[in-house]
Amino acid sequence: MQPKKTFAMLDFDACRPKECDSENGRCAAATACTHKVFKQIDGRFEQPMIFQDMCMGCWDCVEACPLQAVRIHHVT
């Protein structure tokens, strides 16, 4: 089995859930993650986390993030 070569990474300096959804504090990228590996575990208005070992590298979170705080990381 080959190791995973592509996964999402969060730029914690750029991530501000309140700016994604000022009323509910929901992270747009976490909401868009169809594989449910991008989650706001500590609650609303808190930065999400990515379970990178389960990330499929599908780009759903990257496309959903209005702050461009999520990037796809390629391991060579």
Protein backbone atom coordinates (compact mmCIF):
# COMPACT_ATOMS: atom_id res chain seq x y z
CA MET A 1 0.00 0.00 0.00
CA GLN A 2 1.38 3.39 -1.01
CA PRO A 3 1.32 6.31 1.42
CA LYS A 4 -1.15 9.10 0.69
CA LYS A 5 0.38 11.84 -1.45
CA THR A 6 -2.31 14.53 -1.44
CA PHE A 7 -4.30 15.99 1.44
CA ALA A 8 -5.82 19.27 2.64
CA MET A 9 -3.98 21.61 5.00
CA LEU A 10 -5.36 24.54 6.96
CA ASP A 11 -3.58 27.89 7.24
CA PHE A 12 -4.46 28.76 10.84
CA ASP A 13 -3.39 32.39 10.37
CA ALA A 14 -5.91 32.88 7.54
CA CYS A 15 -8.77 30.84 9.04
CA ARG A 16 -11.47 32.96 10.71
CA PRO A 17 -14.80 31.09 11.01
CA LYS A 18 -16.63 34.24 12.11
CA GLU A 19 -15.91 35.77 8.70
CA CYS A 20 -17.22 32.66 6.90
CA ASP A 21 -20.55 32.76 8.70
CA SER A 22 -20.89 35.75 11.00
CA GLU A 23 -24.21 34.61 12.50
CA ASN A 24 -23.49 30.94 13.14
CA GLY A 25 -19.68 30.71 13.11
CA ARG A 26 -19.70 27.74 10.79
CA CYS A 27 -16.62 27.03 8.70
CA ALA A 28 -17.63 26.90 5.03
CA ALA A 29 -14.89 24.40 4.23
CA ALA A 30 -15.92 22.02 7.02
CA THR A 31 -19.54 22.24 5.91
CA ALA A 32 -18.52 21.42 2.33
CA CYS A 33 -16.40 18.38 3.23
CA THR A 34 -18.34 15.46 1.78
CA HIS A 35 -15.99 12.94 3.41
CA LYS A 36 -16.56 14.40 6.91
CA VAL A 37 -12.84 14.65 7.71
CA PHE A 38 -12.84 18.45 8.09
CA LYS A 39 -14.62 19.33 11.34
CA GLN A 40 -15.14 22.06 13.90
CA ILE A 41 -14.66 19.84 16.94
CA ASP A 42 -14.36 22.64 19.51
CA GLY A 43 -17.64 24.20 18.39
CA ARG A 44 -18.88 27.10 16.35
CA PHE A 45 -16.63 30.13 15.87
CA GLU A 46 -13.60 27.87 16.49
CA GLN A 47 -11.06 26.87 13.87
CA PRO A 48 -11.67 23.46 12.33
CA MET A 49 -9.26 20.58 12.09
CA ILE A 50 -8.56 18.19 9.26
CA PHE A 51 -8.06 14.48 9.77
CA GLN A 52 -5.31 14.36 7.14
CA ASP A 53 -4.86 10.61 7.27
CA MET A 54 -8.46 10.21 6.02
CA CYS A 55 -8.51 13.17 3.60
CA MET A 56 -9.28 12.14 0.02
CA GLY A 57 -7.79 15.28 -1.56
CA CYS A 58 -11.06 16.01 -3.37
CA TRP A 59 -10.75 19.84 -3.22
CA ASP A 60 -14.31 20.39 -1.90
CA CYS A 61 -12.99 22.27 1.14
CA VAL A 62 -10.52 24.31 -0.92
CA GLU A 63 -13.25 25.50 -3.27
CA ALA A 64 -15.63 26.31 -0.38
CA CYS A 65 -13.25 28.39 1.75
CA PRO A 66 -13.90 32.10 1.08
CA LEU A 67 -10.69 33.09 2.90
CA GLN A 68 -8.41 30.75 0.93
CA ALA A 69 -7.24 29.25 4.23
CA VAL A 70 -7.34 25.67 2.92
CA ARG A 71 -4.79 24.31 0.50
CA ILE A 72 -4.03 20.94 -0.99
CA HIS A 73 -0.61 19.66 0.01
CA HIS A 74 1.26 17.35 -2.36
CA VAL A 75 3.94 15.11 -0.93
CA THR A 76 6.66 14.17 -3.39
